[in-house]
Amino acid sequence: MSAMQVSAMGGVGSEKAVWLKAIMFSALALALMFLAMHVGAATTDEFSAVSTKFEGWVTGSLGKLAAFVALAVGSVVAAVKKDWSWFFGAVVLSIGVGIIVTIVNASFTATI
């Protein structure tokens, strides 16, 4: 029952039923989170090889080549269209990928 239907009916009992349903769903979600908490606490290294390979690609020669190609395409489109947003978009993309990889790697190695 939606809030619109509850207000249209004007009944306090039906409003209590809506609140009870919301509280029950919240309690169920909380219980499921507590049950699944041990899954996130496992210390396994399934993705360490993939993460290392991806980091090598982005920070290595392939990443530098992709950044150079993005800057070259951005420069050409900016010169042809006389719109510098393409060039600045390529610069942000080139720098942003390196920053995002650093943030992701830091989040994998973070300890609380």
N, C-alpha and C. Protein backbone atom coordinates (compact mmCIF):
# COMPACT_ATOMS: atom_id res chain seq x y z
N MET A 1 0.86 -1.16 0.00
CA MET A 1 0.00 0.00 0.00
C MET A 1 0.91 1.23 0.00
N SER A 2 0.65 2.15 -0.90
CA SER A 2 1.49 3.33 -1.01
C SER A 2 1.05 4.40 -0.01
N ALA A 3 1.91 5.39 0.17
CA ALA A 3 1.58 6.48 1.08
C ALA A 3 0.38 7.27 0.57
N MET A 4 0.21 7.34 -0.75
CA MET A 4 -0.92 8.05 -1.33
C MET A 4 -2.22 7.34 -0.96
N GLN A 5 -2.22 6.02 -1.02
CA GLN A 5 -3.41 5.26 -0.67
C GLN A 5 -3.73 5.39 0.81
N VAL A 6 -2.67 5.41 1.65
CA VAL A 6 -2.89 5.55 3.09
C VAL A 6 -3.52 6.90 3.40
N SER A 7 -3.00 7.96 2.76
CA SER A 7 -3.56 9.28 3.04
C SER A 7 -4.97 9.41 2.47
N ALA A 8 -5.27 8.71 1.37
CA ALA A 8 -6.61 8.77 0.80
C ALA A 8 -7.62 8.04 1.69
N MET A 9 -7.15 6.94 2.32
CA MET A 9 -8.05 6.19 3.19
C MET A 9 -8.25 6.90 4.53
N GLY A 10 -7.25 7.65 4.94
CA GLY A 10 -7.38 8.42 6.16
C GLY A 10 -7.35 7.58 7.42
N GLY A 11 -6.99 6.34 7.33
CA GLY A 11 -6.99 5.47 8.49
C GLY A 11 -5.64 5.44 9.18
N VAL A 12 -5.68 5.52 10.51
CA VAL A 12 -4.44 5.46 11.28
C VAL A 12 -3.93 4.03 11.31
N GLY A 13 -4.82 3.05 11.34
CA GLY A 13 -4.42 1.66 11.38
C GLY A 13 -3.66 1.24 10.14
N SER A 14 -4.08 1.74 8.97
CA SER A 14 -3.38 1.39 7.75
C SER A 14 -2.01 2.06 7.69
N GLU A 15 -1.88 3.23 8.30
CA GLU A 15 -0.58 3.89 8.37
C GLU A 15 0.37 3.10 9.26
N LYS A 16 -0.17 2.55 10.34
CA LYS A 16 0.64 1.70 11.22
C LYS A 16 1.10 0.45 10.48
N ALA A 17 0.24 -0.08 9.63
CA ALA A 17 0.60 -1.27 8.86
C ALA A 17 1.75 -0.96 7.90
N VAL A 18 1.73 0.22 7.30
CA VAL A 18 2.80 0.61 6.40
C VAL A 18 4.11 0.74 7.17
N TRP A 19 4.05 1.37 8.34
CA TRP A 19 5.25 1.52 9.16
C TRP A 19 5.77 0.17 9.64
N LEU A 20 4.87 -0.71 10.01
CA LEU A 20 5.26 -2.04 10.45
C LEU A 20 5.95 -2.81 9.32
N LYS A 21 5.39 -2.69 8.12
CA LYS A 21 5.99 -3.36 6.98
C LYS A 21 7.39 -2.80 6.70
N ALA A 22 7.56 -1.49 6.78
CA ALA A 22 8.86 -0.87 6.55
C ALA A 22 9.88 -1.31 7.59
N ILE A 23 9.45 -1.38 8.85
CA ILE A 23 10.35 -1.81 9.92
C ILE A 23 10.73 -3.27 9.74
N MET A 24 9.79 -4.10 9.33
CA MET A 24 10.07 -5.53 9.13
C MET A 24 11.06 -5.73 7.98
N PHE A 25 10.87 -5.01 6.89
CA PHE A 25 11.80 -5.12 5.77
C PHE A 25 13.19 -4.63 6.16
N SER A 26 13.26 -3.55 6.94
CA SER A 26 14.55 -3.05 7.40
C SER A 26 15.23 -4.05 8.31
N ALA A 27 14.46 -4.67 9.21
CA ALA A 27 15.03 -5.68 10.11
C ALA A 27 15.51 -6.89 9.32
N LEU A 28 14.77 -7.29 8.31
CA LEU A 28 15.18 -8.41 7.48
C LEU A 28 16.48 -8.09 6.73
N ALA A 29 16.56 -6.89 6.17
CA ALA A 29 17.77 -6.49 5.47
C ALA A 29 18.96 -6.44 6.41
N LEU A 30 18.77 -5.92 7.61
CA LEU A 30 19.83 -5.85 8.60
C LEU A 30 20.28 -7.25 9.01
N ALA A 31 19.34 -8.15 9.20
CA ALA A 31 19.68 -9.53 9.57
C ALA A 31 20.47 -10.21 8.46
N LEU A 32 20.08 -10.00 7.22
CA LEU A 32 20.83 -10.59 6.10
C LEU A 32 22.24 -10.01 6.00
N MET A 33 22.38 -8.72 6.29
CA MET A 33 23.72 -8.13 6.27
C MET A 33 24.60 -8.73 7.36
N PHE A 34 24.04 -8.94 8.55
CA PHE A 34 24.82 -9.53 9.62
C PHE A 34 25.20 -10.97 9.29
N LEU A 35 24.30 -11.70 8.64
CA LEU A 35 24.62 -13.07 8.26
C LEU A 35 25.70 -13.13 7.19
N ALA A 36 25.72 -12.17 6.29
CA ALA A 36 26.68 -12.18 5.20
C ALA A 36 27.97 -11.43 5.52
N MET A 37 28.11 -10.92 6.73
CA MET A 37 29.28 -10.14 7.08
C MET A 37 30.57 -10.95 7.00
N HIS A 38 30.52 -12.22 7.33
CA HIS A 38 31.73 -13.03 7.32
C HIS A 38 32.28 -13.23 5.92
N VAL A 39 31.46 -13.07 4.90
CA VAL A 39 31.93 -13.24 3.53
C VAL A 39 32.89 -12.13 3.15
N GLY A 40 32.59 -10.91 3.54
CA GLY A 40 33.47 -9.79 3.22
C GLY A 40 34.73 -9.76 4.05
N ALA A 41 34.76 -10.48 5.16
CA ALA A 41 35.92 -10.46 6.03
C ALA A 41 36.98 -11.48 5.62
N ALA A 42 36.69 -12.30 4.64
CA ALA A 42 37.66 -13.31 4.21
C ALA A 42 38.85 -12.63 3.55
N THR A 43 40.03 -13.13 3.83
CA THR A 43 41.25 -12.56 3.27
C THR A 43 41.78 -13.51 2.21
N THR A 44 41.27 -13.39 1.02
CA THR A 44 41.72 -14.22 -0.08
C THR A 44 42.26 -13.34 -1.19
N ASP A 45 43.04 -13.92 -2.08
CA ASP A 45 43.70 -13.16 -3.14
C ASP A 45 43.27 -13.63 -4.52
N GLU A 46 41.97 -13.75 -4.74
CA GLU A 46 41.51 -14.22 -6.05
C GLU A 46 41.83 -13.23 -7.16
N PHE A 47 41.75 -11.94 -6.86
CA PHE A 47 41.87 -10.93 -7.90
C PHE A 47 43.21 -10.20 -7.88
N SER A 48 44.16 -10.64 -7.09
CA SER A 48 45.43 -9.92 -7.01
C SER A 48 46.20 -9.99 -8.33
N ALA A 49 46.18 -11.14 -9.01
CA ALA A 49 46.89 -11.25 -10.29
C ALA A 49 46.27 -10.35 -11.35
N VAL A 50 44.94 -10.34 -11.40
CA VAL A 50 44.25 -9.50 -12.39
C VAL A 50 44.48 -8.02 -12.07
N SER A 51 44.42 -7.68 -10.79
CA SER A 51 44.63 -6.29 -10.39
C SER A 51 46.04 -5.83 -10.73
N THR A 52 47.02 -6.68 -10.50
CA THR A 52 48.41 -6.33 -10.81
C THR A 52 48.60 -6.17 -12.32
N LYS A 53 47.98 -7.06 -13.10
CA LYS A 53 48.10 -6.96 -14.56
C LYS A 53 47.44 -5.69 -15.07
N PHE A 54 46.24 -5.36 -14.57
CA PHE A 54 45.55 -4.15 -15.00
C PHE A 54 46.35 -2.90 -14.62
N GLU A 55 46.90 -2.91 -13.41
CA GLU A 55 47.72 -1.77 -12.98
C GLU A 55 48.94 -1.62 -13.89
N GLY A 56 49.54 -2.74 -14.26
CA GLY A 56 50.69 -2.69 -15.17
C GLY A 56 50.31 -2.13 -16.53
N TRP A 57 49.14 -2.51 -17.03
CA TRP A 57 48.70 -1.98 -18.31
C TRP A 57 48.48 -0.48 -18.26
N VAL A 58 47.80 -0.01 -17.22
CA VAL A 58 47.44 1.40 -17.15
C VAL A 58 48.66 2.28 -16.87
N THR A 59 49.52 1.84 -15.97
CA THR A 59 50.67 2.67 -15.62
C THR A 59 51.88 2.40 -16.50
N GLY A 60 51.83 1.37 -17.33
CA GLY A 60 52.96 1.03 -18.20
C GLY A 60 52.85 1.67 -19.57
N SER A 61 53.48 1.02 -20.53
CA SER A 61 53.54 1.56 -21.90
C SER A 61 52.17 1.64 -22.54
N LEU A 62 51.32 0.63 -22.30
CA LEU A 62 49.99 0.65 -22.90
C LEU A 62 49.17 1.85 -22.40
N GLY A 63 49.26 2.15 -21.12
CA GLY A 63 48.54 3.30 -20.56
C GLY A 63 49.05 4.61 -21.10
N LYS A 64 50.38 4.71 -21.25
CA LYS A 64 50.97 5.95 -21.81
C LYS A 64 50.56 6.12 -23.27
N LEU A 65 50.51 5.00 -24.00
CA LEU A 65 50.09 5.08 -25.40
C LEU A 65 48.62 5.50 -25.50
N ALA A 66 47.77 4.93 -24.64
CA ALA A 66 46.35 5.30 -24.66
C ALA A 66 46.17 6.77 -24.30
N ALA A 67 46.93 7.27 -23.32
CA ALA A 67 46.84 8.68 -22.95
C ALA A 67 47.31 9.57 -24.10
N PHE A 68 48.38 9.17 -24.78
CA PHE A 68 48.89 9.94 -25.91
C PHE A 68 47.89 9.97 -27.06
N VAL A 69 47.26 8.82 -27.34
CA VAL A 69 46.26 8.76 -28.41
C VAL A 69 45.06 9.63 -28.06
N ALA A 70 44.62 9.59 -26.79
CA ALA A 70 43.49 10.43 -26.37
C ALA A 70 43.84 11.91 -26.53
N LEU A 71 45.04 12.30 -26.14
CA LEU A 71 45.45 13.70 -26.31
C LEU A 71 45.56 14.08 -27.78
N ALA A 72 46.07 13.17 -28.61
CA ALA A 72 46.20 13.47 -30.04
C ALA A 72 44.82 13.63 -30.69
N VAL A 73 43.92 12.71 -30.40
CA VAL A 73 42.57 12.81 -30.97
C VAL A 73 41.87 14.06 -30.45
N GLY A 74 42.01 14.36 -29.16
CA GLY A 74 41.42 15.57 -28.60
C GLY A 74 41.97 16.83 -29.23
N SER A 75 43.27 16.83 -29.49
CA SER A 75 43.90 18.01 -30.11
C SER A 75 43.41 18.20 -31.55
N VAL A 76 43.31 17.11 -32.30
CA VAL A 76 42.87 17.21 -33.69
C VAL A 76 41.42 17.68 -33.76
N VAL A 77 40.55 17.08 -32.94
CA VAL A 77 39.14 17.47 -32.95
C VAL A 77 38.99 18.92 -32.47
N ALA A 78 39.79 19.31 -31.49
CA ALA A 78 39.73 20.70 -31.00
C ALA A 78 40.16 21.67 -32.09
N ALA A 79 41.19 21.30 -32.87
CA ALA A 79 41.66 22.19 -33.93
C ALA A 79 40.65 22.27 -35.07
N VAL A 80 40.01 21.16 -35.40
CA VAL A 80 39.07 21.15 -36.51
C VAL A 80 37.77 21.86 -36.13
N LYS A 81 37.25 21.57 -34.95
CA LYS A 81 35.97 22.14 -34.54
C LYS A 81 36.10 23.49 -33.83
N LYS A 82 37.31 23.91 -33.55
CA LYS A 82 37.57 25.15 -32.80
C LYS A 82 36.85 25.12 -31.45
N ASP A 83 36.85 23.94 -30.84
CA ASP A 83 36.18 23.74 -29.56
C ASP A 83 37.19 23.08 -28.61
N TRP A 84 37.67 23.85 -27.66
CA TRP A 84 38.74 23.37 -26.78
C TRP A 84 38.24 22.38 -25.73
N SER A 85 36.95 22.19 -25.63
CA SER A 85 36.46 21.24 -24.65
C SER A 85 36.90 19.81 -25.00
N TRP A 86 37.09 19.52 -26.27
CA TRP A 86 37.58 18.19 -26.66
C TRP A 86 39.00 17.98 -26.13
N PHE A 87 39.84 18.99 -26.25
CA PHE A 87 41.22 18.87 -25.78
C PHE A 87 41.26 18.73 -24.27
N PHE A 88 40.49 19.57 -23.57
CA PHE A 88 40.49 19.48 -22.10
C PHE A 88 39.83 18.19 -21.62
N GLY A 89 38.86 17.69 -22.36
CA GLY A 89 38.27 16.41 -22.02
C GLY A 89 39.28 15.28 -22.15
N ALA A 90 40.12 15.34 -23.18
CA ALA A 90 41.17 14.33 -23.35
C ALA A 90 42.21 14.42 -22.24
N VAL A 91 42.54 15.63 -21.82
CA VAL A 91 43.50 15.79 -20.72
C VAL A 91 42.92 15.23 -19.43
N VAL A 92 41.66 15.55 -19.16
CA VAL A 92 41.02 15.04 -17.94
C VAL A 92 40.93 13.51 -17.99
N LEU A 93 40.60 12.95 -19.15
CA LEU A 93 40.53 11.50 -19.30
C LEU A 93 41.89 10.86 -19.08
N SER A 94 42.92 11.43 -19.65
CA SER A 94 44.27 10.87 -19.52
C SER A 94 44.76 10.91 -18.08
N ILE A 95 44.56 12.02 -17.41
CA ILE A 95 45.00 12.14 -16.01
C ILE A 95 44.06 11.37 -15.10
N GLY A 96 42.76 11.40 -15.39
CA GLY A 96 41.77 10.75 -14.53
C GLY A 96 41.95 9.25 -14.43
N VAL A 97 42.32 8.60 -15.52
CA VAL A 97 42.50 7.14 -15.49
C VAL A 97 43.63 6.78 -14.54
N GLY A 98 44.72 7.53 -14.59
CA GLY A 98 45.84 7.26 -13.68
C GLY A 98 45.45 7.47 -12.22
N ILE A 99 44.67 8.50 -11.97
CA ILE A 99 44.24 8.78 -10.59
C ILE A 99 43.27 7.71 -10.11
N ILE A 100 42.35 7.29 -10.97
CA ILE A 100 41.37 6.27 -10.58
C ILE A 100 42.07 4.95 -10.25
N VAL A 101 43.07 4.58 -11.03
CA VAL A 101 43.80 3.33 -10.76
C VAL A 101 44.50 3.43 -9.40
N THR A 102 45.06 4.58 -9.09
CA THR A 102 45.71 4.77 -7.79
C THR A 102 44.71 4.64 -6.66
N ILE A 103 43.53 5.22 -6.82
CA ILE A 103 42.51 5.14 -5.78
C ILE A 103 42.02 3.71 -5.59
N VAL A 104 41.80 3.00 -6.70
CA VAL A 104 41.34 1.61 -6.59
C VAL A 104 42.40 0.75 -5.91
N ASN A 105 43.64 0.90 -6.29
CA ASN A 105 44.70 0.11 -5.66
C ASN A 105 44.84 0.44 -4.17
N ALA A 106 44.68 1.70 -3.82
CA ALA A 106 44.74 2.08 -2.40
C ALA A 106 43.58 1.49 -1.63
N SER A 107 42.41 1.39 -2.26
CA SER A 107 41.27 0.82 -1.56
C SER A 107 41.43 -0.69 -1.35
N PHE A 108 42.14 -1.36 -2.27
CA PHE A 108 42.38 -2.79 -2.09
C PHE A 108 43.38 -3.06 -0.96
N THR A 109 44.32 -2.16 -0.77
CA THR A 109 45.35 -2.38 0.25
C THR A 109 45.03 -1.68 1.56
N ALA A 110 43.90 -1.00 1.67
CA ALA A 110 43.57 -0.28 2.89
C ALA A 110 43.23 -1.26 4.00
N THR A 111 43.66 -0.90 5.20
CA THR A 111 43.32 -1.71 6.38
C THR A 111 42.61 -0.81 7.38
N ILE A 112 41.64 -1.38 8.00
CA ILE A 112 40.86 -0.61 8.97
C ILE A 112 41.18 -1.10 10.37
